[in-house]
Protein backbone atom coordinates (compact mmCIF):
# COMPACT_ATOMS: atom_id res chain seq x y z
CA MET A 1 31.12 -50.55 -18.08
CA PRO A 2 31.18 -46.90 -19.56
CA GLU A 3 28.27 -47.90 -21.90
CA ASP A 4 26.23 -48.66 -18.72
CA ILE A 5 26.72 -45.07 -17.45
CA LEU A 6 25.37 -43.67 -20.90
CA LYS A 7 22.40 -46.08 -20.57
CA CYS A 8 21.52 -44.74 -16.94
CA LYS A 9 17.82 -43.89 -16.48
CA THR A 10 18.56 -40.83 -14.52
CA LEU A 11 20.05 -38.88 -17.33
CA PRO A 12 16.70 -38.20 -19.02
CA SER A 13 15.29 -37.02 -15.76
CA LEU A 14 18.32 -34.67 -15.29
CA ALA A 15 17.40 -33.23 -18.73
CA SER A 16 13.86 -32.58 -17.92
CA LEU A 17 14.78 -31.28 -14.54
CA HIS A 18 17.12 -28.72 -16.23
CA GLU A 19 14.30 -27.73 -18.75
CA GLU A 20 11.94 -27.27 -15.72
CA MET A 21 14.37 -25.17 -14.00
CA GLY A 22 14.99 -22.96 -17.06
CA ARG A 23 11.06 -22.38 -17.30
CA LEU A 24 10.81 -21.71 -13.68
CA LEU A 25 13.57 -19.05 -13.64
CA ALA A 26 12.36 -17.54 -16.89
CA SER A 27 8.89 -17.04 -15.30
CA PHE A 28 10.38 -15.73 -12.12
CA PHE A 29 12.35 -12.90 -13.70
CA GLN A 30 9.63 -11.69 -16.12
CA ARG A 31 8.44 -8.25 -15.32
CA GLN A 32 5.09 -8.41 -13.58
CA PRO A 33 2.77 -5.46 -14.16
CA SER A 34 2.26 -2.94 -11.36
CA PRO A 35 -1.21 -3.33 -9.50
CA PRO A 36 -3.39 -0.38 -10.02
CA GLY A 37 -2.73 2.54 -7.60
CA TRP A 38 -0.34 2.44 -4.89
CA GLU A 39 -0.25 2.10 -0.95
CA PRO A 40 1.26 4.83 0.95
CA PRO A 41 3.54 3.80 4.09
CA ALA A 42 1.88 4.18 7.42
CA ASP A 43 2.77 4.05 11.11
CA VAL A 44 0.06 3.46 13.77
CA TRP A 45 0.52 4.05 17.46
CA VAL A 46 -1.99 2.78 20.08
CA ASP A 47 -2.59 3.50 23.78
CA PRO A 48 -5.67 2.84 26.05
CA HIS A 49 -7.14 6.10 25.19
CA ARG A 50 -6.33 6.94 21.45
CA ILE A 51 -5.00 5.64 18.14
CA VAL A 52 -2.54 7.76 16.01
CA VAL A 53 -2.16 7.05 12.39
CA ARG A 54 0.57 8.78 10.43
CA VAL A 55 0.61 8.30 6.58
CA GLU A 56 3.32 9.87 4.12
CA LEU A 57 1.60 11.55 1.26
CA PRO A 58 4.26 13.94 -0.22
CA GLY A 59 2.94 16.01 -2.89
CA VAL A 60 -0.68 15.23 -2.31
CA PRO A 61 -2.88 18.35 -1.57
CA ALA A 62 -5.69 17.74 1.23
CA LYS A 63 -8.38 18.35 -1.45
CA TYR A 64 -7.18 14.98 -3.24
CA ILE A 65 -7.53 13.10 -0.09
CA ASP A 66 -10.65 11.14 1.29
CA VAL A 67 -10.53 9.71 5.04
CA TRP A 68 -13.34 7.37 6.11
CA VAL A 69 -13.59 5.83 9.62
CA SER A 70 -15.95 2.94 10.33
CA SER A 71 -16.26 0.88 13.57
CA ASP A 72 -13.37 -1.26 12.95
CA ALA A 73 -11.14 0.54 10.14
CA VAL A 74 -9.79 3.61 8.70
CA SER A 75 -9.85 3.99 4.98
CA ILE A 76 -7.59 6.58 3.29
CA ARG A 77 -7.97 7.08 -0.58
CA GLY A 78 -7.05 9.70 -3.00
CA ASN A 79 -5.17 10.65 -6.01
CA LYS A 80 -1.50 11.89 -6.40
CA PRO A 81 -1.61 14.08 -9.76
CA ARG A 82 1.56 13.64 -11.97
CA PRO A 83 3.38 16.86 -12.63
CA THR A 84 3.70 17.54 -16.15
CA VAL A 85 6.04 20.22 -17.76
CA GLU A 86 5.12 21.14 -21.29
CA GLY A 87 7.94 20.48 -23.77
CA GLN A 88 9.86 17.94 -21.61
CA THR A 89 10.01 14.06 -21.72
CA THR A 90 10.29 11.94 -18.68
CA LEU A 91 13.75 10.38 -18.49
CA ARG A 92 13.04 8.46 -15.19
CA ALA A 93 9.94 7.96 -13.27
CA GLU A 94 10.35 6.50 -9.75
CA CYS A 95 7.80 8.36 -7.73
CA HIS A 96 4.22 7.09 -7.23
CA TYR A 97 1.33 8.98 -8.93
CA GLY A 98 -2.18 8.26 -9.48
CA ASN A 99 -4.70 6.49 -7.25
CA PHE A 100 -3.74 5.21 -3.83
CA SER A 101 -5.56 3.50 -0.96
CA ARG A 102 -4.72 2.38 2.67
CA ASN A 103 -6.82 0.47 4.98
CA ILE A 104 -5.92 0.28 8.42
CA SER A 105 -7.72 -2.06 10.98
CA LEU A 106 -8.48 -0.54 14.35
CA PRO A 107 -7.90 -2.47 17.59
CA TYR A 108 -11.01 -0.93 19.37
CA ALA A 109 -13.88 1.26 18.50
CA VAL A 110 -13.26 5.05 18.23
CA ASP A 111 -15.49 8.06 18.97
CA ARG A 112 -16.62 9.61 15.68
CA ASP A 113 -16.93 13.09 17.32
CA LYS A 114 -13.19 13.04 18.58
CA ILE A 115 -11.36 12.44 15.46
CA SER A 116 -8.77 14.98 14.04
CA ALA A 117 -6.78 14.87 10.81
CA GLN A 118 -4.09 17.25 9.76
CA LEU A 119 -1.70 17.28 6.77
CA THR A 120 1.72 18.98 7.32
CA ASN A 121 4.49 18.94 4.92
CA GLY A 122 3.09 15.76 3.09
CA VAL A 123 2.23 13.78 6.23
CA LEU A 124 -1.37 13.05 7.25
CA VAL A 125 -1.74 12.62 11.05
CA LEU A 126 -5.04 11.20 12.33
CA VAL A 127 -5.89 11.07 16.09
CA LEU A 128 -8.80 9.00 17.02
CA GLN A 129 -9.97 8.93 20.56
CA ARG A 130 -11.20 5.56 21.89
CA ALA A 131 -15.13 5.35 22.11
CA THR A 132 -17.07 4.58 25.24
CA LEU A 133 -19.84 3.06 23.20
CA ARG A 134 -19.49 1.31 19.91
CA ASP A 135 -20.68 3.35 16.88
CA GLU A 136 -21.24 1.36 13.86
CA ARG A 137 -21.65 4.29 11.30
CA ARG A 138 -19.27 5.01 8.69
CA ILE A 139 -18.19 8.82 8.54
CA GLN A 140 -15.99 10.84 6.39
CA ILE A 141 -13.31 13.01 8.00
CA ALA A 142 -12.26 16.61 6.90
CA ILE A 143 -8.58 17.20 6.63
CA VAL A 144 -7.04 20.55 7.84
CA GLU A 145 -4.12 21.31 5.82
CA ALA A 146 -1.43 23.23 7.70
């Protein structure tokens, strides 16, 4: 009777299952490369007359930020320069640097002549007024740094 247990057909399948689980776990825990660029966090508020977009961009000067508005989206792109100190070596780097982008869909068309953008203490706030007529053009928005 004990010899019958050793001849059981499920043992080879358990061994292959064990090997497959080992491969799966090894691939899961391998470090994946970071995607190029990063996406800053954003909050969006909407009411019947306007959309307010708030994007956190600490350490990014206004001159490194481009904002584009189309009929159905806001695109925010730019670059956060990495600070360097001559003669020092980085011990830990947890902050995001380099190119970034964020695309935000709009629930309704906005008036391209009634858009404001202000950067204060590393927070970009866009206020977009609702359009009465749909404008299909894409425009670049100037940012006022406070």
